[in-house]
Amino acid sequence: MAEIESAKAYLLQASSKSGLNLYDHLSSVITNLLDERPDNAVDAFEEVSRQIKSDQHVEETTMQSQPDPSTQVALAQTQEKLFKKADGDAEPEPEEDDEAEPVIDNVVEQLGYFHDAGIGLGQEEGFRLFLALQQLRTQGSFSKLRFWGKIFGTKQNYYVAEVTFTEGEEPQPPEAEVPEEGEEADADAEGEGDGDGIELPKSEWKAPKPLATEEYSNGANKHMFYVCSEPGMPWERLPNVTPVQIVVARQIKKTFTGDLDTPIDSYPPFDGSERNYLRAQIAQICADTVISPMGYFTFDEEDDEEEERTDYIKDGEFEGMPRDKLMDAEGEGPDGWCHHVQHILPQGRCKWVNPNPKDEDAEGDDDDDEDEDGEDEVVPETGPSLLSAIMQDAPVDSFPAWTPKLTSQKNLRYAGVVMSSNRWPGAHALAYNKGLTFQNVYFGTGHQYSSQPYSPPLPQPAQAEFPIDESVLEATDPSVEEVEKFNAEQNKGDDDDEDGDGGDDDDY
């Protein structure tokens, strides 16, 4: 019996890997054979044992069955699709015209030049970004697509792509809702009276009419912009920017979070979410920092009106310029760099419009009426013209607006010229090959430089509820002297009337 108990104890020893013991396993195998009674039980013994062992298998560790919660793993799985060709994708056709400008800029090559100056992204990130731009190309018909820059946020960053749609393929803006007849009258009727039939004073204040938003391919909406949080993530198109958004964005300072739907809580109130604020900052950065070598672009000779020039063409006769002239940003003369993006006026538009246009019915009024009103004519806002030299830019505190430097001090023969903006830290322009090739890029927080801490503007003085005139002013009590003088005049008048009446009676 002792030997039997010892043998049974040996068979009951559990495995350190599976947790099973041989005694229970043999019992299960024999029970299965007796229930099933297969032919050639000896030959079926191994298969039944293997099947029972697989049914009773215990996982070695529970960590392998749990999904990896790391966001880096999920991002890697998403970016893996960039390196794979989807089913049904055809091989790209080679371009017949080798001299034609490519739709997508060579981001890897451009970032390589910026890398020499200590600016830009790494090679791996730059290549993933190039693949992401190719992915964006399939979302629309674009004639030009380039990497604009990267804006840093507290939670996520924004990779920004600038696109130009093929003519006729531009996205149509949403139709504005027109109020139905009677709605305005009902709105005006609200608030008239206090319910007791008493007519309250009416406010004469009228809200200023919002300025018209510049359409796509014009002014601040010259180009469209797409953003994504990481290469491989979905691209989202930013809406057109309005003049009011640009005006308010110049007065506030909000840190980007990386979520386009984040509300903007500020004073003055900003009309829109973070996507609109991001678009407004991009428009300002483009107007102030997108530059090109002087002479690379020129105006069309057929356009004679210089003040209304909004388009330019590439000068086919431009043969480049020496590196010394590209480095001389503050020198005299037309050489150097120029802005090829329109300046944004204080009203938030590139092309000025009268905020208080005269009504057509009032055009025939006499000039005397205009003089009586005493209203001065609105002075049109002006700014630097297109292709103006950057030497005209206002200084930033005591520093110049731009700082030039070479990409390399060791290899001066092939070094390029980098112009860095001091007004928008992170905005750079790079020119190499005598200025025949240039590129603009931005890496920053999306804010202007300021030597002073940001302080929100103070609210405007409260407006009067209604006009102040004699009908609403309380009469001032007369003084004692004025009362005595008034009574004396009244008594004198009464005495004169009595004397006059008595004489008439005698005559009668």
Protein backbone atom coordinates (compact mmCIF):
# COMPACT_ATOMS: atom_id res chain seq x y z
CA MET A 1 0.00 0.00 0.00
CA ALA A 2 2.86 2.34 0.71
CA GLU A 3 4.23 1.82 -2.79
CA ILE A 4 0.79 2.46 -4.26
CA GLU A 5 0.36 5.69 -2.29
CA SER A 6 3.86 6.80 -3.31
CA ALA A 7 3.14 6.10 -6.98
CA LYS A 8 -0.19 7.95 -6.78
CA ALA A 9 1.47 10.95 -5.15
CA TYR A 10 4.03 10.99 -7.96
CA LEU A 11 1.27 10.93 -10.60
CA LEU A 12 -0.57 13.79 -8.82
CA GLN A 13 2.39 16.19 -9.17
CA ALA A 14 1.26 19.21 -11.24
CA SER A 15 3.26 20.49 -14.16
CA SER A 16 5.02 23.83 -13.67
CA LYS A 17 4.08 24.86 -17.21
CA SER A 18 0.50 23.70 -17.81
CA GLY A 19 -0.66 23.10 -14.23
CA LEU A 20 -2.01 19.61 -15.09
CA ASN A 21 -1.09 16.31 -13.39
CA LEU A 22 -0.63 12.92 -15.00
CA TYR A 23 -3.11 11.09 -12.74
CA ASP A 24 -6.08 13.23 -13.74
CA HIS A 25 -4.96 13.27 -17.38
CA LEU A 26 -4.77 9.45 -17.60
CA SER A 27 -8.16 9.23 -15.89
CA SER A 28 -9.67 11.56 -18.47
CA VAL A 29 -8.07 9.67 -21.38
CA ILE A 30 -9.27 6.24 -20.17
CA THR A 31 -12.76 7.61 -19.46
CA ASN A 32 -12.94 9.05 -22.99
CA LEU A 33 -11.82 5.75 -24.54
CA LEU A 34 -14.42 3.80 -22.58
CA ASP A 35 -17.17 6.23 -23.59
CA GLU A 36 -16.24 6.44 -27.26
CA ARG A 37 -14.83 2.88 -27.64
CA PRO A 38 -12.95 3.63 -30.88
CA ASP A 39 -11.40 0.92 -33.05
CA ASN A 40 -7.73 0.31 -32.34
CA ALA A 41 -7.73 2.08 -28.99
CA VAL A 42 -3.94 1.81 -28.78
CA ASP A 43 -3.53 3.80 -31.99
CA ALA A 44 -6.13 6.40 -30.88
CA PHE A 45 -4.56 6.86 -27.43
CA GLU A 46 -2.09 9.56 -28.50
CA GLU A 47 -4.72 11.53 -30.41
CA VAL A 48 -7.22 11.43 -27.51
CA SER A 49 -4.47 12.51 -25.10
CA ARG A 50 -3.47 15.41 -27.31
CA GLN A 51 -7.08 16.55 -27.71
CA ILE A 52 -7.81 16.47 -23.96
CA LYS A 53 -4.58 18.30 -23.20
CA SER A 54 -5.45 21.05 -25.68
CA ASP A 55 -8.95 21.44 -24.22
CA GLN A 56 -7.56 21.74 -20.70
CA HIS A 57 -4.61 23.98 -21.70
CA VAL A 58 -3.93 26.85 -19.30
CA GLU A 59 -2.23 29.98 -20.67
CA GLU A 60 1.33 30.41 -19.53
CA THR A 61 0.81 34.10 -18.72
CA THR A 62 -2.16 36.39 -18.75
CA MET A 63 -0.12 39.35 -20.10
CA GLN A 64 -0.03 37.96 -23.63
CA SER A 65 -3.83 37.97 -23.95
CA GLN A 66 -4.18 41.64 -22.99
CA PRO A 67 -3.98 44.25 -25.77
CA ASP A 68 -1.12 46.70 -25.57
CA PRO A 69 -2.60 50.01 -24.38
CA SER A 70 0.34 52.02 -25.73
CA THR A 71 -0.64 54.80 -28.16
CA GLN A 72 2.68 54.34 -29.93
CA VAL A 73 1.64 50.81 -30.96
CA ALA A 74 -1.67 52.10 -32.36
CA LEU A 75 0.16 54.88 -34.20
CA ALA A 76 2.65 52.41 -35.64
CA GLN A 77 -0.18 50.23 -36.91
CA THR A 78 -1.76 53.26 -38.55
CA GLN A 79 1.49 54.44 -40.15
CA GLU A 80 2.18 50.93 -41.40
CA LYS A 81 -0.55 51.47 -43.98
CA LEU A 82 1.51 54.29 -45.52
CA PHE A 83 4.14 51.77 -46.62
CA LYS A 84 1.65 49.32 -48.13
CA LYS A 85 -0.16 49.59 -51.42
CA ALA A 86 -3.90 49.27 -51.02
CA ASP A 87 -5.83 46.75 -53.09
CA GLY A 88 -6.80 48.18 -56.45
CA ASP A 89 -4.14 50.91 -56.48
CA ALA A 90 -2.49 51.18 -59.85
CA GLU A 91 1.15 51.87 -60.41
CA PRO A 92 1.83 55.62 -60.73
CA GLU A 93 2.33 56.68 -64.31
CA PRO A 94 5.65 58.40 -65.03
CA GLU A 95 5.37 62.05 -65.94
CA GLU A 96 5.91 62.63 -69.62
CA ASP A 97 7.24 66.16 -69.19
CA ASP A 98 10.34 66.02 -67.00
CA GLU A 99 10.48 69.81 -66.82
CA ALA A 100 6.96 70.13 -65.42
CA GLU A 101 6.72 71.17 -61.80
CA PRO A 102 5.71 68.22 -59.60
CA VAL A 103 2.44 68.34 -57.71
CA ILE A 104 4.07 67.36 -54.40
CA ASP A 105 7.32 68.97 -53.32
CA ASN A 106 10.20 66.70 -52.45
CA VAL A 107 9.86 67.06 -48.70
CA VAL A 108 12.77 64.73 -47.93
CA GLU A 109 15.17 66.77 -50.04
CA GLN A 110 13.93 70.11 -48.72
CA LEU A 111 14.13 69.03 -45.09
CA GLY A 112 17.64 67.80 -45.80
CA TYR A 113 18.70 71.32 -46.71
CA PHE A 114 17.03 72.73 -43.61
CA HIS A 115 18.70 70.03 -41.54
CA ASP A 116 22.08 71.50 -42.51
CA ALA A 117 20.97 74.74 -40.84
CA GLY A 118 19.73 72.94 -37.72
CA ILE A 119 16.06 73.32 -38.66
CA GLY A 120 13.36 70.83 -39.52
CA LEU A 121 12.42 67.21 -38.89
CA GLY A 122 14.40 64.00 -38.81
CA GLN A 123 14.82 61.80 -41.86
CA GLU A 124 12.36 59.14 -40.69
CA GLU A 125 9.70 61.68 -39.72
CA GLY A 126 10.24 63.57 -42.97
CA PHE A 127 9.79 60.42 -45.06
CA ARG A 128 6.60 59.47 -43.21
CA LEU A 129 5.36 63.01 -43.82
CA PHE A 130 6.10 62.65 -47.54
CA LEU A 131 4.03 59.45 -47.64
CA ALA A 132 1.23 61.23 -45.76
CA LEU A 133 1.21 64.00 -48.40
CA GLN A 134 0.84 61.35 -51.08
CA GLN A 135 -2.11 60.02 -49.13
CA LEU A 136 -3.60 63.54 -49.02
CA ARG A 137 -3.23 63.84 -52.77
CA THR A 138 -5.94 61.21 -53.24
CA GLN A 139 -8.51 63.32 -51.37
CA GLY A 140 -8.90 65.98 -54.05
CA SER A 141 -7.75 67.39 -57.36
CA PHE A 142 -4.70 69.50 -56.53
CA SER A 143 -2.35 71.33 -58.84
CA LYS A 144 0.15 72.04 -56.05
CA LEU A 145 0.70 70.52 -52.63
CA ARG A 146 3.50 71.40 -50.24
CA PHE A 147 4.45 70.94 -46.60
CA TRP A 148 3.76 74.25 -44.86
CA GLY A 149 5.06 73.53 -41.36
CA LYS A 150 4.42 72.07 -37.94
CA ILE A 151 2.65 73.84 -35.06
CA PHE A 152 3.20 72.49 -31.58
CA GLY A 153 0.33 71.87 -29.15
CA THR A 154 -0.03 70.80 -25.54
CA LYS A 155 -1.64 67.42 -26.33
CA GLN A 156 -0.93 66.89 -30.02
CA ASN A 157 0.83 68.74 -32.80
CA TYR A 158 -0.42 69.95 -36.17
CA TYR A 159 1.24 69.01 -39.45
CA VAL A 160 0.05 71.62 -41.95
CA ALA A 161 -0.14 71.13 -45.73
CA GLU A 162 -0.83 73.95 -48.18
CA VAL A 163 -2.78 72.97 -51.29
CA THR A 164 -3.88 74.66 -54.49
CA PHE A 165 -6.89 73.13 -56.18
CA THR A 166 -7.09 72.49 -59.89
CA GLU A 167 -9.10 75.17 -61.65
CA GLY A 168 -12.76 74.26 -61.55
CA GLU A 169 -12.34 71.74 -58.71
CA GLU A 170 -12.43 74.20 -55.83
CA PRO A 171 -14.68 73.33 -52.88
CA GLN A 172 -17.87 75.35 -52.80
CA PRO A 173 -18.53 77.34 -49.61
CA PRO A 174 -21.73 76.53 -47.70
CA GLU A 175 -24.73 78.63 -48.59
CA ALA A 176 -25.61 81.29 -46.04
CA GLU A 177 -29.00 81.01 -44.40
CA VAL A 178 -31.33 83.81 -45.48
CA PRO A 179 -33.90 84.82 -42.82
CA GLU A 180 -37.48 84.46 -43.89
CA GLU A 181 -39.74 87.46 -44.29
CA GLY A 182 -41.20 88.58 -41.02
CA GLU A 183 -38.42 87.22 -38.81
CA GLU A 184 -36.58 90.54 -38.65
CA ALA A 185 -39.79 92.39 -37.89
CA ASP A 186 -40.63 89.98 -35.09
CA ALA A 187 -37.13 90.41 -33.66
CA ASP A 188 -37.47 94.18 -33.72
CA ALA A 189 -40.88 94.00 -32.06
CA GLU A 190 -39.53 92.05 -29.12
CA GLY A 191 -38.78 94.24 -26.13
CA GLU A 192 -41.06 97.14 -27.17
CA GLY A 193 -43.03 98.02 -24.04
CA ASP A 194 -43.04 96.51 -20.61
CA GLY A 195 -46.40 94.78 -20.79
CA ASP A 196 -48.40 97.76 -19.40
CA GLY A 197 -48.65 99.66 -22.65
CA ILE A 198 -45.76 101.98 -21.74
CA GLU A 199 -43.41 102.61 -24.64
CA LEU A 200 -39.80 102.33 -23.52
CA PRO A 201 -36.93 104.26 -25.11
CA LYS A 202 -35.51 102.55 -28.16
CA SER A 203 -31.80 102.06 -28.56
CA GLU A 204 -30.25 103.82 -31.53
CA TRP A 205 -27.21 101.52 -31.56
CA LYS A 206 -26.84 99.42 -34.65
CA ALA A 207 -24.47 96.49 -34.89
CA PRO A 208 -21.79 97.03 -37.54
CA LYS A 209 -22.21 94.93 -40.62
CA PRO A 210 -19.61 92.15 -40.86
CA LEU A 211 -17.14 92.51 -43.68
CA ALA A 212 -17.43 90.05 -46.53
CA THR A 213 -15.13 87.05 -46.34
CA GLU A 214 -12.60 86.81 -49.15
CA GLU A 215 -13.36 83.86 -51.38
CA TYR A 216 -10.95 81.05 -52.08
CA SER A 217 -7.93 82.02 -54.24
CA ASN A 218 -8.21 85.63 -53.06
CA GLY A 219 -6.51 87.54 -50.26
CA ALA A 220 -6.16 85.73 -46.96
CA ASN A 221 -7.85 82.66 -48.48
CA LYS A 222 -5.40 82.39 -51.36
CA HIS A 223 -4.73 78.74 -50.51
CA MET A 224 -6.42 75.92 -48.64
CA PHE A 225 -4.81 74.17 -45.69
CA TYR A 226 -5.10 70.62 -44.37
CA VAL A 227 -3.88 69.47 -40.96
CA CYS A 228 -3.30 66.14 -39.22
CA SER A 229 -1.95 65.21 -35.80
CA GLU A 230 0.51 62.54 -37.04
CA PRO A 231 1.60 61.27 -40.47
CA GLY A 232 -0.85 58.55 -41.38
CA MET A 233 -3.76 60.04 -39.41
CA PRO A 234 -6.71 61.49 -41.36
CA TRP A 235 -6.23 64.93 -42.92
CA GLU A 236 -8.85 67.59 -42.17
CA ARG A 237 -9.41 70.70 -44.23
CA LEU A 238 -9.49 74.03 -42.39
CA PRO A 239 -12.30 76.49 -43.21
CA ASN A 240 -11.81 79.87 -44.82
CA VAL A 241 -10.83 82.63 -42.43
CA THR A 242 -13.07 85.66 -41.91
CA PRO A 243 -11.91 89.26 -41.33
CA VAL A 244 -13.41 89.30 -37.82
CA GLN A 245 -11.46 86.17 -36.85
CA ILE A 246 -8.18 87.74 -37.97
CA VAL A 247 -8.89 91.00 -36.10
CA VAL A 248 -9.71 89.17 -32.86
CA ALA A 249 -6.84 86.69 -33.25
CA ARG A 250 -4.41 89.64 -33.25
CA GLN A 251 -5.69 90.69 -29.82
CA ILE A 252 -5.70 87.32 -28.04
CA LYS A 253 -3.11 84.65 -27.36
CA LYS A 254 -4.20 81.04 -26.87
CA THR A 255 -2.00 77.95 -26.70
CA PHE A 256 -2.96 75.24 -29.17
CA THR A 257 -4.08 71.91 -27.72
CA GLY A 258 -4.08 69.74 -30.85
CA ASP A 259 -7.87 69.28 -30.80
CA LEU A 260 -9.62 71.24 -33.55
CA ASP A 261 -12.93 71.26 -31.68
CA THR A 262 -11.55 72.96 -28.57
CA PRO A 263 -13.56 76.14 -27.81
CA ILE A 264 -11.71 79.45 -27.62
CA ASP A 265 -12.58 81.28 -24.40
CA SER A 266 -11.11 84.78 -24.61
CA TYR A 267 -11.78 88.48 -24.59
CA PRO A 268 -12.59 89.86 -27.08
CA PRO A 269 -14.82 86.85 -27.85
CA PHE A 270 -13.53 84.74 -30.73
CA ASP A 271 -16.08 83.49 -33.23
CA GLY A 272 -15.14 79.85 -33.72
CA SER A 273 -13.19 76.95 -32.28
CA GLU A 274 -9.50 76.10 -32.40
CA ARG A 275 -9.72 75.17 -36.07
CA ASN A 276 -10.72 78.76 -36.89
CA TYR A 277 -8.07 80.24 -34.60
CA LEU A 278 -5.45 77.99 -36.20
CA ARG A 279 -6.52 79.13 -39.66
CA ALA A 280 -6.31 82.80 -38.60
CA GLN A 281 -2.77 82.35 -37.25
CA ILE A 282 -1.68 80.55 -40.42
CA ALA A 283 -2.99 83.44 -42.53
CA GLN A 284 -0.98 85.97 -40.50
CA ILE A 285 2.19 83.88 -40.63
CA CYS A 286 1.89 83.54 -44.40
CA ALA A 287 1.38 87.28 -44.90
CA ASP A 288 4.42 88.20 -42.77
CA THR A 289 6.96 85.42 -43.41
CA VAL A 290 6.43 83.78 -46.82
CA ILE A 291 9.18 85.37 -48.93
CA SER A 292 11.13 84.67 -52.11
CA PRO A 293 14.32 86.00 -53.73
CA MET A 294 13.79 89.37 -55.34
CA GLY A 295 13.26 88.93 -59.08
CA TYR A 296 12.12 85.30 -58.93
CA PHE A 297 8.52 86.46 -59.44
CA THR A 298 7.28 89.36 -61.51
CA PHE A 299 3.99 90.92 -62.56
CA ASP A 300 2.28 90.31 -65.84
CA GLU A 301 3.01 93.16 -68.25
CA GLU A 302 -0.65 93.26 -69.30
CA ASP A 303 -1.68 94.30 -65.78
CA ASP A 304 -1.20 98.08 -65.73
CA GLU A 305 -2.91 98.85 -62.40
CA GLU A 306 -0.17 98.47 -59.82
CA GLU A 307 -2.39 99.06 -56.79
CA GLU A 308 -4.70 96.14 -57.60
CA ARG A 309 -2.04 93.61 -58.50
CA THR A 310 -2.79 90.40 -56.64
CA ASP A 311 -1.21 87.80 -58.95
CA TYR A 312 2.31 87.24 -60.13
CA ILE A 313 4.12 84.94 -62.51
CA LYS A 314 7.51 83.31 -62.51
CA ASP A 315 10.15 85.36 -64.29
CA GLY A 316 11.70 83.17 -66.94
CA GLU A 317 14.68 85.51 -67.27
CA PHE A 318 15.68 85.25 -63.63
CA GLU A 319 19.20 83.80 -63.53
CA GLY A 320 19.72 83.93 -59.79
CA MET A 321 21.73 86.30 -57.63
CA PRO A 322 24.96 86.13 -55.63
CA ARG A 323 24.82 84.82 -52.10
CA ASP A 324 26.05 88.16 -50.75
CA LYS A 325 22.88 89.89 -51.97
CA LEU A 326 20.69 87.19 -50.46
CA MET A 327 22.44 87.71 -47.13
CA ASP A 328 22.01 91.52 -47.27
CA ALA A 329 18.49 91.79 -45.88
CA GLU A 330 18.88 95.34 -44.61
CA GLY A 331 20.84 96.79 -47.50
CA GLU A 332 19.72 99.46 -49.90
CA GLY A 333 18.33 98.74 -53.32
CA PRO A 334 15.92 96.16 -54.73
CA ASP A 335 18.17 93.14 -54.15
CA GLY A 336 17.49 90.54 -51.51
CA TRP A 337 14.11 89.08 -50.62
CA CYS A 338 10.49 90.13 -51.09
CA HIS A 339 7.02 89.14 -49.91
CA HIS A 340 4.97 87.20 -52.46
CA VAL A 341 1.89 86.94 -50.22
CA GLN A 342 -0.47 89.89 -49.85
CA HIS A 343 -0.35 91.99 -46.69
CA ILE A 344 -3.38 91.71 -44.39
CA LEU A 345 -4.82 95.11 -43.54
CA PRO A 346 -5.98 96.06 -40.01
CA GLN A 347 -9.59 95.27 -40.99
CA GLY A 348 -8.63 91.63 -41.59
CA ARG A 349 -8.73 91.66 -45.39
CA CYS A 350 -6.08 92.01 -48.07
CA LYS A 351 -8.30 94.18 -50.26
CA TRP A 352 -9.85 97.11 -48.43
CA VAL A 353 -13.61 97.59 -48.45
CA ASN A 354 -15.61 100.45 -46.97
CA PRO A 355 -17.16 99.21 -43.69
CA ASN A 356 -19.89 101.89 -43.89
CA PRO A 357 -20.98 102.06 -47.51
CA LYS A 358 -23.48 104.75 -48.46
CA ASP A 359 -26.94 103.68 -49.51
CA GLU A 360 -27.82 104.07 -53.14
CA ASP A 361 -30.84 106.18 -52.22
CA ALA A 362 -28.63 108.61 -50.28
CA GLU A 363 -26.29 109.25 -53.19
CA GLY A 364 -28.56 111.93 -54.59
CA ASP A 365 -28.75 113.94 -51.35
CA ASP A 366 -27.27 117.40 -51.19
CA ASP A 367 -23.79 117.97 -49.87
CA ASP A 368 -25.22 120.30 -47.23
CA ASP A 369 -26.82 117.38 -45.45
CA GLU A 370 -23.48 115.61 -45.28
CA ASP A 371 -21.85 118.67 -43.76
CA GLU A 372 -24.55 118.97 -41.14
CA ASP A 373 -24.03 115.41 -40.02
CA GLY A 374 -20.36 116.12 -39.49
CA GLU A 375 -19.33 112.58 -40.45
CA ASP A 376 -15.89 112.32 -41.95
CA GLU A 377 -15.23 110.03 -44.86
CA VAL A 378 -13.58 106.70 -44.03
CA VAL A 379 -9.90 106.74 -44.96
CA PRO A 380 -8.96 103.58 -46.89
CA GLU A 381 -6.40 101.35 -45.20
CA THR A 382 -3.15 100.76 -47.03
CA GLY A 383 -0.21 98.43 -46.63
CA PRO A 384 2.87 97.12 -48.41
CA SER A 385 2.24 96.11 -51.98
CA LEU A 386 2.81 92.64 -53.36
CA LEU A 387 6.48 91.75 -54.01
CA SER A 388 7.67 94.49 -51.66
CA ALA A 389 11.18 94.13 -50.21
CA ILE A 390 11.52 92.72 -46.70
CA MET A 391 13.82 95.60 -45.82
CA GLN A 392 10.64 97.65 -45.42
CA ASP A 393 9.39 95.42 -42.59
CA ALA A 394 9.14 97.16 -39.24
CA PRO A 395 11.77 96.16 -36.68
CA VAL A 396 10.91 93.88 -33.76
CA ASP A 397 11.76 95.86 -30.65
CA SER A 398 15.40 96.79 -31.22
CA PHE A 399 16.09 93.89 -33.60
CA PRO A 400 15.67 93.73 -37.37
CA ALA A 401 12.71 91.81 -38.73
CA TRP A 402 14.93 89.14 -40.32
CA THR A 403 18.20 87.44 -39.41
CA PRO A 404 20.25 85.85 -42.23
CA LYS A 405 22.72 83.00 -41.86
CA LEU A 406 24.39 80.29 -43.93
CA THR A 407 23.47 76.63 -43.71
CA SER A 408 27.12 75.72 -43.21
CA GLN A 409 30.26 77.58 -42.27
CA LYS A 410 32.53 74.72 -43.35
CA ASN A 411 31.25 74.16 -46.89
CA LEU A 412 30.78 77.71 -48.11
CA ARG A 413 30.87 76.68 -51.74
CA TYR A 414 27.55 74.83 -51.54
CA ALA A 415 26.01 76.52 -48.50
CA GLY A 416 22.52 77.97 -48.74
CA VAL A 417 21.07 81.12 -47.20
CA VAL A 418 18.49 80.92 -44.42
CA MET A 419 16.35 83.90 -43.45
CA SER A 420 14.78 83.58 -39.99
CA SER A 421 11.89 85.78 -38.90
CA ASN A 422 12.20 87.57 -35.57
CA ARG A 423 8.53 88.57 -35.56
CA TRP A 424 7.29 84.98 -35.89
CA PRO A 425 9.94 82.74 -34.26
CA GLY A 426 10.08 79.47 -36.16
CA ALA A 427 9.44 80.89 -39.65
CA HIS A 428 12.36 80.32 -42.03
CA ALA A 429 13.08 80.76 -45.72
CA LEU A 430 15.88 78.84 -47.41
CA ALA A 431 17.44 79.62 -50.79
CA TYR A 432 20.18 77.69 -52.54
CA ASN A 433 21.53 77.39 -56.06
CA LYS A 434 21.76 81.22 -56.32
CA GLY A 435 18.13 81.62 -55.30
CA LEU A 436 16.79 79.52 -58.17
CA THR A 437 15.39 77.12 -55.59
CA PHE A 438 13.83 78.30 -52.36
CA GLN A 439 11.45 77.02 -49.71
CA ASN A 440 9.45 78.43 -46.78
CA VAL A 441 8.66 76.46 -43.66
CA TYR A 442 7.41 77.09 -40.13
CA PHE A 443 8.10 75.21 -36.88
CA GLY A 444 6.71 76.92 -33.80
CA THR A 445 3.84 77.55 -31.43
CA GLY A 446 1.92 79.83 -33.81
CA HIS A 447 2.46 83.02 -31.78
CA GLN A 448 4.21 86.31 -32.42
CA TYR A 449 7.25 87.38 -30.49
CA SER A 450 6.53 89.73 -27.60
CA SER A 451 8.99 91.11 -25.07
CA GLN A 452 6.16 91.75 -22.59
CA PRO A 453 3.85 89.20 -20.96
CA TYR A 454 0.47 88.92 -22.61
CA SER A 455 -2.29 90.95 -20.99
CA PRO A 456 -5.89 90.80 -22.26
CA PRO A 457 -7.32 94.12 -23.47
CA LEU A 458 -9.68 95.98 -21.16
CA PRO A 459 -13.40 96.02 -21.94
CA GLN A 460 -14.75 99.07 -23.72
CA PRO A 461 -16.74 101.70 -21.76
CA ALA A 462 -20.38 100.83 -21.25
CA GLN A 463 -22.71 102.44 -23.76
CA ALA A 464 -25.64 104.63 -22.79
CA GLU A 465 -29.00 102.87 -22.72
CA PHE A 466 -30.82 105.70 -24.55
CA PRO A 467 -30.11 109.27 -25.76
CA ILE A 468 -29.71 111.87 -23.03
CA ASP A 469 -31.92 114.91 -23.71
CA GLU A 470 -34.36 117.23 -21.85
CA SER A 471 -37.14 114.67 -21.95
CA VAL A 472 -35.30 112.29 -19.64
CA LEU A 473 -33.36 114.78 -17.47
CA GLU A 474 -34.72 115.73 -14.04
CA ALA A 475 -35.36 119.47 -13.64
CA THR A 476 -33.08 121.30 -11.20
CA ASP A 477 -34.80 123.03 -8.27
CA PRO A 478 -34.59 126.87 -8.53
CA SER A 479 -32.62 128.84 -6.00
CA VAL A 480 -34.18 131.25 -3.46
CA GLU A 481 -33.14 134.29 -5.48
CA GLU A 482 -34.72 132.85 -8.63
CA VAL A 483 -37.98 132.15 -6.73
CA GLU A 484 -38.12 135.70 -5.31
CA LYS A 485 -37.40 137.22 -8.71
CA PHE A 486 -40.07 135.08 -10.33
CA ASN A 487 -42.67 136.03 -7.67
CA ALA A 488 -41.82 139.72 -8.05
CA GLU A 489 -42.36 139.54 -11.80
CA GLN A 490 -45.64 137.75 -11.30
CA ASN A 491 -46.90 140.33 -8.73
CA LYS A 492 -45.91 143.21 -10.98
CA GLY A 493 -47.77 141.68 -13.83
CA ASP A 494 -50.90 141.23 -11.74
CA ASP A 495 -50.83 144.92 -10.61
CA ASP A 496 -50.57 146.11 -14.20
CA ASP A 497 -53.55 144.01 -15.19
CA GLU A 498 -55.69 145.48 -12.35
CA ASP A 499 -54.80 149.05 -13.25
CA GLY A 500 -55.64 148.47 -16.85
CA ASP A 501 -58.99 146.89 -16.05
CA GLY A 502 -60.06 149.75 -13.73
CA GLY A 503 -59.46 152.44 -16.32
CA ASP A 504 -61.52 150.62 -18.85
CA ASP A 505 -64.47 150.38 -16.46
CA ASP A 506 -64.51 154.14 -15.80
CA ASP A 507 -64.46 154.88 -19.46
CA TYR A 508 -67.27 152.50 -20.01
